[in-house]
Amino acid sequence: MYNVSIIGAGSWGTATAVMLAKKGCRVKQWVRREELCKQIKETKENIPYLPGIVIPSNIDISSDLEYCCKDSDILVIATPSHAVRETVSSMKPYINSNKIIVNLAKGIENETLMRMSQVIEEVLPDNKVAVMSGPCHAEEVARDIPTAIVSTARERKIAEYVQDVFMTPKFRVYTNPDMIGVELGGALKNIIAIGAGVIDGLRFGDNTKAALMTRGIVEISRLGESLGGQKHTFAGLSGIGDLIVTCTSMHSRNRRAGIAIGEGKSLEEILGGTSMVVEGVRTTKSAYDLAHKMGVEMPITQEIYNVLYNKADVKNSVINLMMRAKTHESEDIAEINGIEW
């Protein structure tokens, strides 16, 4: 069977390790903090990040990064997106060009505005890089709840190899050649999920959330296409699929953070009260900067940025969105085709 190392011990990294170990893969998992590493070994449970899930005994848990990088065919990056560059740089002395790097982190680097695969390729230019993304809460994957996800890479054979490694009767993997679209869909939906949470925190209703999600995927697609992504990708698992699950589930940290904001809590208070990373907060800044750089209109992202970084009042932000200048629903199509009524 496959030799796989999971680099990271958050909820998604742990769920992936559990799934592959059950499949029969030889799995190592790197845990950054020695204290957490010891706790997982002793209790057979990752209590801070994935409570209630028994860690199979055939997962080799270690805080030694060199050990975890050796003798593995695939290295799976399962850290927060802002830690990807540092983590991969630390791995570099211990790996050769034969290792395939699979990224699970969903985000856009604040400083460079790079996608995660671009960050990895910059640090490890000789390694093949694949990305997996889609609607997949760790809490459900770890409990063998049927899930479907997307594998993408620059080369079809790499995406299909990753598909073979991860596919199980409870975890279906599709391939998609659109690496840009898959990554951007997975990253940008976290922004809209914060907005969905705000709606819940304000005690608005289903109408409001449906409007936000529908217009949200328009923004995601608009920015994604401007950066080279394909429109159809955003209608798939890594686009609308991931958006639905993140905007509607209480497993979603981004939605939970948005709920707290809608209820009047400060961002500092919210982030200080969790050990888990709310990816959408950093991604909002990256998307805001990218939208300005590319000249792309993203009104929802603009308002969420104002709430998170300029302490704007959320109720005023809702009014701003509702009272924007009148337009076609499909304004881009209307402009291109010159539709006249």
C-alpha atoms as a PDB file:
ATOM      1  CA  MET A   1       0.000   0.000   0.000  1.00  0.00           C
ATOM      2  CA  TYR A   2       0.931   3.649  -0.171  1.00  0.00           C
ATOM      3  CA  ASN A   3       3.343   5.349   2.222  1.00  0.00           C
ATOM      4  CA  VAL A   4       1.826   8.687   3.212  1.00  0.00           C
ATOM      5  CA  SER A   5       2.964  11.343   5.679  1.00  0.00           C
ATOM      6  CA  ILE A   6       0.472  13.890   6.975  1.00  0.00           C
ATOM      7  CA  ILE A   7       2.226  17.119   7.896  1.00  0.00           C
ATOM      8  CA  GLY A   8      -0.027  18.741  10.462  1.00  0.00           C
ATOM      9  CA  ALA A   9      -2.264  17.608  13.296  1.00  0.00           C
ATOM     10  CA  GLY A  10      -5.285  19.876  13.099  1.00  0.00           C
ATOM     11  CA  SER A  11      -8.762  18.484  12.508  1.00  0.00           C
ATOM     12  CA  TRP A  12      -8.410  17.983   8.743  1.00  0.00           C
ATOM     13  CA  GLY A  13      -4.918  16.529   8.927  1.00  0.00           C
ATOM     14  CA  THR A  14      -6.015  14.113  11.635  1.00  0.00           C
ATOM     15  CA  ALA A  15      -9.182  13.094   9.766  1.00  0.00           C
ATOM     16  CA  THR A  16      -7.112  12.420   6.637  1.00  0.00           C
ATOM     17  CA  ALA A  17      -4.637  10.320   8.602  1.00  0.00           C
ATOM     18  CA  VAL A  18      -7.474   8.314  10.162  1.00  0.00           C
ATOM     19  CA  MET A  19      -9.132   7.727   6.784  1.00  0.00           C
ATOM     20  CA  LEU A  20      -5.930   6.557   5.075  1.00  0.00           C
ATOM     21  CA  ALA A  21      -4.951   4.352   8.024  1.00  0.00           C
ATOM     22  CA  LYS A  22      -8.344   2.638   7.857  1.00  0.00           C
ATOM     23  CA  LYS A  23      -7.767   2.083   4.151  1.00  0.00           C
ATOM     24  CA  GLY A  24      -4.532   0.257   4.946  1.00  0.00           C
ATOM     25  CA  CYS A  25      -1.972   2.881   3.978  1.00  0.00           C
ATOM     26  CA  ARG A  26       1.231   3.196   5.983  1.00  0.00           C
ATOM     27  CA  VAL A  27       0.688   6.567   7.634  1.00  0.00           C
ATOM     28  CA  LYS A  28       2.968   8.882   9.545  1.00  0.00           C
ATOM     29  CA  GLN A  29       1.654  12.093  11.076  1.00  0.00           C
ATOM     30  CA  TRP A  30       3.790  15.039  12.079  1.00  0.00           C
ATOM     31  CA  VAL A  31       2.622  16.942  15.144  1.00  0.00           C
ATOM     32  CA  ARG A  32       4.354  20.290  15.609  1.00  0.00           C
ATOM     33  CA  ARG A  33       3.855  20.606  19.370  1.00  0.00           C
ATOM     34  CA  GLU A  34       5.555  17.948  21.481  1.00  0.00           C
ATOM     35  CA  GLU A  35       2.889  18.282  24.170  1.00  0.00           C
ATOM     36  CA  LEU A  36       0.081  17.512  21.716  1.00  0.00           C
ATOM     37  CA  CYS A  37       2.110  14.680  20.195  1.00  0.00           C
ATOM     38  CA  LYS A  38       2.456  13.070  23.619  1.00  0.00           C
ATOM     39  CA  GLN A  39      -1.232  13.545  24.397  1.00  0.00           C
ATOM     40  CA  ILE A  40      -2.357  11.899  21.134  1.00  0.00           C
ATOM     41  CA  LYS A  41      -0.052   8.929  21.706  1.00  0.00           C
ATOM     42  CA  GLU A  42      -1.291   8.445  25.264  1.00  0.00           C
ATOM     43  CA  THR A  43      -5.025   8.945  24.737  1.00  0.00           C
ATOM     44  CA  LYS A  44      -5.382   7.765  21.114  1.00  0.00           C
ATOM     45  CA  GLU A  45      -7.439  10.902  20.529  1.00  0.00           C
ATOM     46  CA  ASN A  46      -6.714  14.411  19.251  1.00  0.00           C
ATOM     47  CA  ILE A  47      -8.795  16.103  21.929  1.00  0.00           C
ATOM     48  CA  PRO A  48      -8.208  19.785  20.995  1.00  0.00           C
ATOM     49  CA  TYR A  49      -8.920  19.370  17.278  1.00  0.00           C
ATOM     50  CA  LEU A  50     -10.950  16.208  16.653  1.00  0.00           C
ATOM     51  CA  PRO A  51     -12.503  14.987  19.924  1.00  0.00           C
ATOM     52  CA  GLY A  52     -14.356  11.702  19.986  1.00  0.00           C
ATOM     53  CA  ILE A  53     -12.382  10.089  17.146  1.00  0.00           C
ATOM     54  CA  VAL A  54     -10.163   7.132  18.014  1.00  0.00           C
ATOM     55  CA  ILE A  55      -6.736   7.406  16.402  1.00  0.00           C
ATOM     56  CA  PRO A  56      -5.866   4.022  14.827  1.00  0.00           C
ATOM     57  CA  SER A  57      -2.781   2.347  16.267  1.00  0.00           C
ATOM     58  CA  ASN A  58      -1.224   2.011  12.795  1.00  0.00           C
ATOM     59  CA  ILE A  59      -0.724   5.802  12.538  1.00  0.00           C
ATOM     60  CA  ASP A  60       2.880   6.574  13.431  1.00  0.00           C
ATOM     61  CA  ILE A  61       2.671   9.836  15.414  1.00  0.00           C
ATOM     62  CA  SER A  62       5.857  11.909  15.701  1.00  0.00           C
ATOM     63  CA  SER A  63       7.073  15.475  16.298  1.00  0.00           C
ATOM     64  CA  ASP A  64      10.251  14.719  14.316  1.00  0.00           C
ATOM     65  CA  LEU A  65       9.776  16.363  10.914  1.00  0.00           C
ATOM     66  CA  GLU A  66      12.777  14.624   9.328  1.00  0.00           C
ATOM     67  CA  TYR A  67      11.467  11.209  10.396  1.00  0.00           C
ATOM     68  CA  CYS A  68       8.011  11.961   9.006  1.00  0.00           C
ATOM     69  CA  CYS A  69       9.391  13.098   5.647  1.00  0.00           C
ATOM     70  CA  LYS A  70      11.524   9.982   5.111  1.00  0.00           C
ATOM     71  CA  ASP A  71      10.287   6.844   3.370  1.00  0.00           C
ATOM     72  CA  SER A  72       6.997   8.355   2.192  1.00  0.00           C
ATOM     73  CA  ASP A  73       5.722   8.531  -1.377  1.00  0.00           C
ATOM     74  CA  ILE A  74       3.323  11.381  -0.642  1.00  0.00           C
ATOM     75  CA  LEU A  75       3.639  14.290   1.775  1.00  0.00           C
ATOM     76  CA  VAL A  76       0.284  15.842   2.632  1.00  0.00           C
ATOM     77  CA  ILE A  77       0.381  19.460   3.798  1.00  0.00           C
ATOM     78  CA  ALA A  78      -2.397  19.918   6.345  1.00  0.00           C
ATOM     79  CA  THR A  79      -1.314  23.070   8.166  1.00  0.00           C
ATOM     80  CA  PRO A  80      -3.105  26.453   8.225  1.00  0.00           C
ATOM     81  CA  SER A  81      -2.475  28.329   4.990  1.00  0.00           C
ATOM     82  CA  HIS A  82      -0.339  31.024   6.634  1.00  0.00           C
ATOM     83  CA  ALA A  83       2.036  28.307   7.904  1.00  0.00           C
ATOM     84  CA  VAL A  84       2.498  26.511   4.564  1.00  0.00           C
ATOM     85  CA  ARG A  85       5.590  28.416   3.420  1.00  0.00           C
ATOM     86  CA  GLU A  86       7.401  27.999   6.738  1.00  0.00           C
ATOM     87  CA  THR A  87       6.454  24.328   7.026  1.00  0.00           C
ATOM     88  CA  VAL A  88       7.486  23.411   3.482  1.00  0.00           C
ATOM     89  CA  SER A  89      10.747  25.328   3.888  1.00  0.00           C
ATOM     90  CA  SER A  90      11.475  23.273   7.018  1.00  0.00           C
ATOM     91  CA  MET A  91      10.754  20.071   5.088  1.00  0.00           C
ATOM     92  CA  LYS A  92      12.993  20.920   2.162  1.00  0.00           C
ATOM     93  CA  PRO A  93      16.282  19.461   3.529  1.00  0.00           C
ATOM     94  CA  TYR A  94      14.607  16.100   4.137  1.00  0.00           C
ATOM     95  CA  ILE A  95      12.924  15.354   0.816  1.00  0.00           C
ATOM     96  CA  ASN A  96      13.965  14.524  -2.732  1.00  0.00           C
ATOM     97  CA  SER A  97      12.305  15.298  -6.044  1.00  0.00           C
ATOM     98  CA  ASN A  98      10.457  11.968  -6.136  1.00  0.00           C
ATOM     99  CA  LYS A  99       8.077  12.995  -3.351  1.00  0.00           C
ATOM    100  CA  ILE A 100       4.631  14.175  -4.395  1.00  0.00           C
ATOM    101  CA  ILE A 101       3.315  17.074  -2.328  1.00  0.00           C
ATOM    102  CA  VAL A 102      -0.451  17.183  -1.761  1.00  0.00           C
ATOM    103  CA  ASN A 103      -1.830  20.398  -0.326  1.00  0.00           C
ATOM    104  CA  LEU A 104      -5.013  20.498   1.769  1.00  0.00           C
ATOM    105  CA  ALA A 105      -4.673  24.070   3.088  1.00  0.00           C
ATOM    106  CA  LYS A 106      -7.241  26.540   1.733  1.00  0.00           C
ATOM    107  CA  GLY A 107      -6.061  30.113   1.511  1.00  0.00           C
ATOM    108  CA  ILE A 108      -4.154  32.839  -0.326  1.00  0.00           C
ATOM    109  CA  GLU A 109      -0.862  34.076   1.087  1.00  0.00           C
ATOM    110  CA  ASN A 110      -1.314  37.642   2.365  1.00  0.00           C
ATOM    111  CA  GLU A 111       2.115  38.957   1.502  1.00  0.00           C
ATOM    112  CA  THR A 112       2.488  37.577  -2.041  1.00  0.00           C
ATOM    113  CA  LEU A 113      -1.177  36.894  -2.990  1.00  0.00           C
ATOM    114  CA  MET A 114      -0.034  33.437  -4.127  1.00  0.00           C
ATOM    115  CA  ARG A 115      -2.195  30.343  -4.092  1.00  0.00           C
ATOM    116  CA  MET A 116      -0.884  27.550  -1.855  1.00  0.00           C
ATOM    117  CA  SER A 117       0.356  25.439  -4.765  1.00  0.00           C
ATOM    118  CA  GLN A 118       2.356  28.433  -6.007  1.00  0.00           C
ATOM    119  CA  VAL A 119       3.928  28.860  -2.577  1.00  0.00           C
ATOM    120  CA  ILE A 120       4.898  25.180  -2.464  1.00  0.00           C
ATOM    121  CA  GLU A 121       6.265  25.210  -6.014  1.00  0.00           C
ATOM    122  CA  GLU A 122       8.370  28.270  -5.228  1.00  0.00           C
ATOM    123  CA  VAL A 123       9.950  26.535  -2.230  1.00  0.00           C
ATOM    124  CA  LEU A 124      10.120  23.048  -3.796  1.00  0.00           C
ATOM    125  CA  PRO A 125      10.513  23.651  -7.551  1.00  0.00           C
ATOM    126  CA  ASP A 126      11.583  20.056  -8.277  1.00  0.00           C
ATOM    127  CA  ASN A 127       8.550  18.358  -6.712  1.00  0.00           C
ATOM    128  CA  LYS A 128       5.177  17.559  -8.254  1.00  0.00           C
ATOM    129  CA  VAL A 129       2.355  19.332  -6.428  1.00  0.00           C
ATOM    130  CA  ALA A 130      -1.310  18.331  -6.240  1.00  0.00           C
ATOM    131  CA  VAL A 131      -4.237  19.965  -4.470  1.00  0.00           C
ATOM    132  CA  MET A 132      -7.339  18.445  -2.907  1.00  0.00           C
ATOM    133  CA  SER A 133     -10.362  20.617  -2.216  1.00  0.00           C
ATOM    134  CA  GLY A 134     -14.119  20.380  -1.857  1.00  0.00           C
ATOM    135  CA  PRO A 135     -16.942  20.125   0.681  1.00  0.00           C
ATOM    136  CA  CYS A 136     -15.327  18.037   3.392  1.00  0.00           C
ATOM    137  CA  HIS A 137     -15.729  18.729   7.094  1.00  0.00           C
ATOM    138  CA  ALA A 138     -13.073  16.804   9.017  1.00  0.00           C
ATOM    139  CA  GLU A 139     -15.619  15.810  11.665  1.00  0.00           C
ATOM    140  CA  GLU A 140     -17.644  13.919   9.041  1.00  0.00           C
ATOM    141  CA  VAL A 141     -14.758  12.389   7.086  1.00  0.00           C
ATOM    142  CA  ALA A 142     -13.347  10.946  10.303  1.00  0.00           C
ATOM    143  CA  ARG A 143     -16.715   9.321  11.001  1.00  0.00           C
ATOM    144  CA  ASP A 144     -16.894   7.696   7.549  1.00  0.00           C
ATOM    145  CA  ILE A 145     -19.735   9.902   6.336  1.00  0.00           C
ATOM    146  CA  PRO A 146     -19.803   9.748   2.500  1.00  0.00           C
ATOM    147  CA  THR A 147     -17.892  12.678   1.024  1.00  0.00           C
ATOM    148  CA  ALA A 148     -16.825  13.800  -2.464  1.00  0.00           C
ATOM    149  CA  ILE A 149     -13.812  15.963  -3.214  1.00  0.00           C
ATOM    150  CA  VAL A 150     -11.611  17.097  -6.122  1.00  0.00           C
ATOM    151  CA  SER A 151      -7.970  16.322  -6.927  1.00  0.00           C
ATOM    152  CA  THR A 152      -6.071  18.650  -9.259  1.00  0.00           C
ATOM    153  CA  ALA A 153      -2.496  19.028 -10.469  1.00  0.00           C
ATOM    154  CA  ARG A 154      -0.591  20.429 -13.436  1.00  0.00           C
ATOM    155  CA  GLU A 155      -0.289  16.894 -14.832  1.00  0.00           C
ATOM    156  CA  ARG A 156      -3.227  14.540 -15.197  1.00  0.00           C
ATOM    157  CA  LYS A 157      -1.245  11.502 -14.075  1.00  0.00           C
ATOM    158  CA  ILE A 158      -0.410  13.189 -10.754  1.00  0.00           C
ATOM    159  CA  ALA A 159      -4.045  14.121 -10.092  1.00  0.00           C
ATOM    160  CA  GLU A 160      -5.109  10.565 -10.930  1.00  0.00           C
ATOM    161  CA  TYR A 161      -2.402   9.061  -8.717  1.00  0.00           C
ATOM    162  CA  VAL A 162      -3.651  11.147  -5.793  1.00  0.00           C
ATOM    163  CA  GLN A 163      -7.184  10.051  -6.704  1.00  0.00           C
ATOM    164  CA  ASP A 164      -6.103   6.407  -6.387  1.00  0.00           C
ATOM    165  CA  VAL A 165      -4.389   6.989  -3.043  1.00  0.00           C
ATOM    166  CA  PHE A 166      -7.330   8.721  -1.372  1.00  0.00           C
ATOM    167  CA  MET A 167     -10.345   6.991  -2.928  1.00  0.00           C
ATOM    168  CA  THR A 168     -12.383   4.802  -0.544  1.00  0.00           C
ATOM    169  CA  PRO A 169     -15.986   3.537  -0.457  1.00  0.00           C
ATOM    170  CA  LYS A 170     -16.799   6.550   1.754  1.00  0.00           C
ATOM    171  CA  PHE A 171     -14.494   9.134   0.149  1.00  0.00           C
ATOM    172  CA  ARG A 172     -14.983   9.744  -3.557  1.00  0.00           C
ATOM    173  CA  VAL A 173     -12.310  11.703  -5.439  1.00  0.00           C
ATOM    174  CA  TYR A 174     -12.916  13.377  -8.793  1.00  0.00           C
ATOM    175  CA  THR A 175     -10.163  14.939 -10.909  1.00  0.00           C
ATOM    176  CA  ASN A 176     -10.218  18.425 -12.392  1.00  0.00           C
ATOM    177  CA  PRO A 177      -7.540  20.009 -14.627  1.00  0.00           C
ATOM    178  CA  ASP A 178      -8.334  23.549 -13.412  1.00  0.00           C
ATOM    179  CA  MET A 179      -5.830  23.956 -10.572  1.00  0.00           C
ATOM    180  CA  ILE A 180      -6.389  27.710 -10.323  1.00  0.00           C
ATOM    181  CA  GLY A 181     -10.169  27.442 -10.094  1.00  0.00           C
ATOM    182  CA  VAL A 182     -10.120  24.571  -7.605  1.00  0.00           C
ATOM    183  CA  GLU A 183      -7.783  26.429  -5.262  1.00  0.00           C
ATOM    184  CA  LEU A 184      -9.551  29.765  -5.483  1.00  0.00           C
ATOM    185  CA  GLY A 185     -12.969  28.202  -4.949  1.00  0.00           C
ATOM    186  CA  GLY A 186     -11.729  26.508  -1.779  1.00  0.00           C
ATOM    187  CA  ALA A 187     -10.115  29.668  -0.443  1.00  0.00           C
ATOM    188  CA  LEU A 188     -12.689  32.329  -1.342  1.00  0.00           C
ATOM    189  CA  LYS A 189     -15.763  30.487  -0.088  1.00  0.00           C
ATOM    190  CA  ASN A 190     -14.510  31.067   3.471  1.00  0.00           C
ATOM    191  CA  ILE A 191     -15.147  34.793   3.031  1.00  0.00           C
ATOM    192  CA  ILE A 192     -18.765  34.200   2.054  1.00  0.00           C
ATOM    193  CA  ALA A 193     -19.130  31.756   4.962  1.00  0.00           C
ATOM    194  CA  ILE A 194     -18.209  34.530   7.389  1.00  0.00           C
ATOM    195  CA  GLY A 195     -20.957  36.606   5.786  1.00  0.00           C
ATOM    196  CA  ALA A 196     -23.416  33.715   6.120  1.00  0.00           C
ATOM    197  CA  GLY A 197     -22.592  33.524   9.800  1.00  0.00           C
ATOM    198  CA  VAL A 198     -23.142  37.264  10.201  1.00  0.00           C
ATOM    199  CA  ILE A 199     -26.605  36.791   8.696  1.00  0.00           C
ATOM    200  CA  ASP A 200     -27.369  34.125  11.290  1.00  0.00           C
ATOM    201  CA  GLY A 201     -25.960  36.269  14.084  1.00  0.00           C
ATOM    202  CA  LEU A 202     -28.212  39.153  13.020  1.00  0.00           C
ATOM    203  CA  ARG A 203     -31.183  36.746  13.030  1.00  0.00           C
ATOM    204  CA  PHE A 204     -31.946  37.302   9.364  1.00  0.00           C
ATOM    205  CA  GLY A 205     -33.529  34.489   7.397  1.00  0.00           C
ATOM    206  CA  ASP A 206     -33.209  31.979   4.603  1.00  0.00           C
ATOM    207  CA  ASN A 207     -33.951  34.585   1.938  1.00  0.00           C
ATOM    208  CA  THR A 208     -30.930  36.615   3.010  1.00  0.00           C
ATOM    209  CA  LYS A 209     -28.561  33.665   3.127  1.00  0.00           C
ATOM    210  CA  ALA A 210     -29.716  32.356  -0.258  1.00  0.00           C
ATOM    211  CA  ALA A 211     -29.063  35.771  -1.786  1.00  0.00           C
ATOM    212  CA  LEU A 212     -25.635  36.018  -0.156  1.00  0.00           C
ATOM    213  CA  MET A 213     -24.549  32.560  -1.300  1.00  0.00           C
ATOM    214  CA  THR A 214     -25.794  33.081  -4.857  1.00  0.00           C
ATOM    215  CA  ARG A 215     -24.162  36.475  -5.248  1.00  0.00           C
ATOM    216  CA  GLY A 216     -21.117  35.147  -3.387  1.00  0.00           C
ATOM    217  CA  ILE A 217     -20.423  32.483  -5.996  1.00  0.00           C
ATOM    218  CA  VAL A 218     -20.700  35.213  -8.635  1.00  0.00           C
ATOM    219  CA  GLU A 219     -17.880  37.115  -6.902  1.00  0.00           C
ATOM    220  CA  ILE A 220     -15.782  33.994  -6.475  1.00  0.00           C
ATOM    221  CA  SER A 221     -16.185  33.103 -10.141  1.00  0.00           C
ATOM    222  CA  ARG A 222     -15.513  36.668 -11.272  1.00  0.00           C
ATOM    223  CA  LEU A 223     -12.188  36.909  -9.435  1.00  0.00           C
ATOM    224  CA  GLY A 224     -11.302  33.305 -10.252  1.00  0.00           C
ATOM    225  CA  GLU A 225     -11.795  33.795 -13.977  1.00  0.00           C
ATOM    226  CA  SER A 226      -9.735  36.995 -13.925  1.00  0.00           C
ATOM    227  CA  LEU A 227      -6.854  34.956 -12.483  1.00  0.00           C
ATOM    228  CA  GLY A 228      -7.143  32.139 -15.040  1.00  0.00           C
ATOM    229  CA  GLY A 229      -9.722  29.821 -13.473  1.00  0.00           C
ATOM    230  CA  GLN A 230     -12.497  28.191 -15.516  1.00  0.00           C
ATOM    231  CA  LYS A 231     -16.121  29.260 -14.971  1.00  0.00           C
ATOM    232  CA  HIS A 232     -17.449  25.687 -14.829  1.00  0.00           C
ATOM    233  CA  THR A 233     -15.121  24.824 -11.924  1.00  0.00           C
ATOM    234  CA  PHE A 234     -16.985  27.247  -9.659  1.00  0.00           C
ATOM    235  CA  ALA A 235     -20.217  25.370 -10.343  1.00  0.00           C
ATOM    236  CA  GLY A 236     -18.612  22.138  -9.094  1.00  0.00           C
ATOM    237  CA  LEU A 237     -17.529  20.555  -5.823  1.00  0.00           C
ATOM    238  CA  SER A 238     -14.683  22.971  -5.091  1.00  0.00           C
ATOM    239  CA  GLY A 239     -16.924  25.957  -5.876  1.00  0.00           C
ATOM    240  CA  ILE A 240     -20.612  25.872  -5.081  1.00  0.00           C
ATOM    241  CA  GLY A 241     -20.244  22.531  -3.258  1.00  0.00           C
ATOM    242  CA  ASP A 242     -17.718  23.861  -0.779  1.00  0.00           C
ATOM    243  CA  LEU A 243     -19.653  27.123  -0.490  1.00  0.00           C
ATOM    244  CA  ILE A 244     -22.860  25.320   0.486  1.00  0.00           C
ATOM    245  CA  VAL A 245     -21.271  23.185   3.181  1.00  0.00           C
ATOM    246  CA  THR A 246     -19.273  26.040   4.693  1.00  0.00           C
ATOM    247  CA  CYS A 247     -22.159  28.508   4.749  1.00  0.00           C
ATOM    248  CA  THR A 248     -24.704  26.132   6.273  1.00  0.00           C
ATOM    249  CA  SER A 249     -22.868  23.928   8.784  1.00  0.00           C
ATOM    250  CA  MET A 250     -21.967  24.566  12.401  1.00  0.00           C
ATOM    251  CA  HIS A 251     -18.787  22.572  11.742  1.00  0.00           C
ATOM    252  CA  SER A 252     -17.616  25.658   9.826  1.00  0.00           C
ATOM    253  CA  ARG A 253     -15.287  27.863  11.878  1.00  0.00           C
ATOM    254  CA  ASN A 254     -15.811  30.698   9.415  1.00  0.00           C
ATOM    255  CA  ARG A 255     -19.579  30.571   9.800  1.00  0.00           C
ATOM    256  CA  ARG A 256     -19.264  30.364  13.595  1.00  0.00           C
ATOM    257  CA  ALA A 257     -16.969  33.396  13.594  1.00  0.00           C
ATOM    258  CA  GLY A 258     -19.499  35.266  11.466  1.00  0.00           C
ATOM    259  CA  ILE A 259     -22.313  34.386  13.872  1.00  0.00           C
ATOM    260  CA  ALA A 260     -20.301  35.832  16.749  1.00  0.00           C
ATOM    261  CA  ILE A 261     -19.638  39.024  14.747  1.00  0.00           C
ATOM    262  CA  GLY A 262     -23.337  39.353  13.958  1.00  0.00           C
ATOM    263  CA  GLU A 263     -24.084  38.990  17.672  1.00  0.00           C
ATOM    264  CA  GLY A 264     -21.782  41.904  18.451  1.00  0.00           C
ATOM    265  CA  LYS A 265     -18.493  40.271  19.446  1.00  0.00           C
ATOM    266  CA  SER A 266     -15.196  41.769  18.307  1.00  0.00           C
ATOM    267  CA  LEU A 267     -12.852  39.938  15.956  1.00  0.00           C
ATOM    268  CA  GLU A 268     -10.120  39.958  18.610  1.00  0.00           C
ATOM    269  CA  GLU A 269     -12.475  38.344  21.111  1.00  0.00           C
ATOM    270  CA  ILE A 270     -13.510  35.665  18.611  1.00  0.00           C
ATOM    271  CA  LEU A 271      -9.996  34.724  17.488  1.00  0.00           C
ATOM    272  CA  GLY A 272      -8.724  34.748  21.057  1.00  0.00           C
ATOM    273  CA  GLY A 273     -11.360  32.240  22.076  1.00  0.00           C
ATOM    274  CA  THR A 274     -10.357  29.429  19.715  1.00  0.00           C
ATOM    275  CA  SER A 275      -7.206  27.409  19.108  1.00  0.00           C
ATOM    276  CA  MET A 276      -8.349  26.728  15.555  1.00  0.00           C
ATOM    277  CA  VAL A 277      -7.591  28.981  12.591  1.00  0.00           C
ATOM    278  CA  VAL A 278     -10.442  30.908  10.964  1.00  0.00           C
ATOM    279  CA  GLU A 279      -9.011  30.891   7.429  1.00  0.00           C
ATOM    280  CA  GLY A 280     -11.533  33.340   6.017  1.00  0.00           C
ATOM    281  CA  VAL A 281     -10.180  36.243   8.062  1.00  0.00           C
ATOM    282  CA  ARG A 282      -6.782  36.249   6.357  1.00  0.00           C
ATOM    283  CA  THR A 283      -8.265  35.269   3.004  1.00  0.00           C
ATOM    284  CA  THR A 284     -10.584  38.283   3.096  1.00  0.00           C
ATOM    285  CA  LYS A 285      -7.550  40.567   3.114  1.00  0.00           C
ATOM    286  CA  SER A 286      -5.878  38.666   0.265  1.00  0.00           C
ATOM    287  CA  ALA A 287      -9.061  38.659  -1.824  1.00  0.00           C
ATOM    288  CA  TYR A 288      -9.621  42.372  -1.158  1.00  0.00           C
ATOM    289  CA  ASP A 289      -6.087  43.123  -2.358  1.00  0.00           C
ATOM    290  CA  LEU A 290      -6.416  40.812  -5.377  1.00  0.00           C
ATOM    291  CA  ALA A 291      -9.726  42.374  -6.382  1.00  0.00           C
ATOM    292  CA  HIS A 292      -8.139  45.824  -6.398  1.00  0.00           C
ATOM    293  CA  LYS A 293      -5.093  44.547  -8.261  1.00  0.00           C
ATOM    294  CA  MET A 294      -7.208  42.851 -10.950  1.00  0.00           C
ATOM    295  CA  GLY A 295      -9.883  45.558 -11.132  1.00  0.00           C
ATOM    296  CA  VAL A 296     -12.618  43.079 -10.164  1.00  0.00           C
ATOM    297  CA  GLU A 297     -15.781  44.218  -8.382  1.00  0.00           C
ATOM    298  CA  MET A 298     -16.435  42.190  -5.213  1.00  0.00           C
ATOM    299  CA  PRO A 299     -18.985  44.087  -3.093  1.00  0.00           C
ATOM    300  CA  ILE A 300     -19.613  41.325  -0.540  1.00  0.00           C
ATOM    301  CA  THR A 301     -15.886  40.833   0.015  1.00  0.00           C
ATOM    302  CA  GLN A 302     -15.493  44.610   0.289  1.00  0.00           C
ATOM    303  CA  GLU A 303     -18.099  44.839   3.053  1.00  0.00           C
ATOM    304  CA  ILE A 304     -16.743  41.836   4.969  1.00  0.00           C
ATOM    305  CA  TYR A 305     -13.266  43.380   4.725  1.00  0.00           C
ATOM    306  CA  ASN A 306     -14.645  46.602   6.178  1.00  0.00           C
ATOM    307  CA  VAL A 307     -16.278  44.722   9.038  1.00  0.00           C
ATOM    308  CA  LEU A 308     -13.152  42.685   9.847  1.00  0.00           C
ATOM    309  CA  TYR A 309     -10.439  45.281   9.304  1.00  0.00           C
ATOM    310  CA  ASN A 310     -12.154  48.673   9.571  1.00  0.00           C
ATOM    311  CA  LYS A 311     -14.623  47.752  12.341  1.00  0.00           C
ATOM    312  CA  ALA A 312     -17.581  48.762  10.176  1.00  0.00           C
ATOM    313  CA  ASP A 313     -21.074  48.209  11.561  1.00  0.00           C
ATOM    314  CA  VAL A 314     -22.491  44.990  10.080  1.00  0.00           C
ATOM    315  CA  LYS A 315     -25.997  46.412   9.750  1.00  0.00           C
ATOM    316  CA  ASN A 316     -24.682  49.322   7.710  1.00  0.00           C
ATOM    317  CA  SER A 317     -22.770  46.850   5.529  1.00  0.00           C
ATOM    318  CA  VAL A 318     -26.009  45.007   4.787  1.00  0.00           C
ATOM    319  CA  ILE A 319     -27.673  48.284   3.801  1.00  0.00           C
ATOM    320  CA  ASN A 320     -24.697  49.126   1.561  1.00  0.00           C
ATOM    321  CA  LEU A 321     -25.119  45.829  -0.285  1.00  0.00           C
ATOM    322  CA  MET A 322     -28.878  46.126  -0.610  1.00  0.00           C
ATOM    323  CA  MET A 323     -28.733  49.701  -1.902  1.00  0.00           C
ATOM    324  CA  ARG A 324     -25.999  49.302  -4.495  1.00  0.00           C
ATOM    325  CA  ALA A 325     -26.700  50.757  -7.945  1.00  0.00           C
ATOM    326  CA  LYS A 326     -29.333  48.844  -9.911  1.00  0.00           C
ATOM    327  CA  THR A 327     -28.010  46.288 -12.394  1.00  0.00           C
ATOM    328  CA  HIS A 328     -28.771  43.076 -14.294  1.00  0.00           C
ATOM    329  CA  GLU A 329     -28.425  39.857 -12.303  1.00  0.00           C
ATOM    330  CA  SER A 330     -25.993  38.611 -14.972  1.00  0.00           C
ATOM    331  CA  GLU A 331     -24.440  41.994 -15.669  1.00  0.00           C
ATOM    332  CA  ASP A 332     -21.328  40.550 -17.319  1.00  0.00           C
ATOM    333  CA  ILE A 333     -23.394  38.550 -19.819  1.00  0.00           C
ATOM    334  CA  ALA A 334     -25.643  41.527 -20.462  1.00  0.00           C
ATOM    335  CA  GLU A 335     -22.668  43.739 -21.242  1.00  0.00           C
ATOM    336  CA  ILE A 336     -20.918  41.197 -23.488  1.00  0.00           C
ATOM    337  CA  ASN A 337     -24.020  40.311 -25.477  1.00  0.00           C
ATOM    338  CA  GLY A 338     -25.442  43.821 -25.589  1.00  0.00           C
ATOM    339  CA  ILE A 339     -28.851  42.679 -24.311  1.00  0.00           C
ATOM    340  CA  GLU A 340     -31.545  45.301 -24.778  1.00  0.00           C
ATOM    341  CA  TRP A 341     -35.139  45.101 -23.552  1.00  0.00           C
END
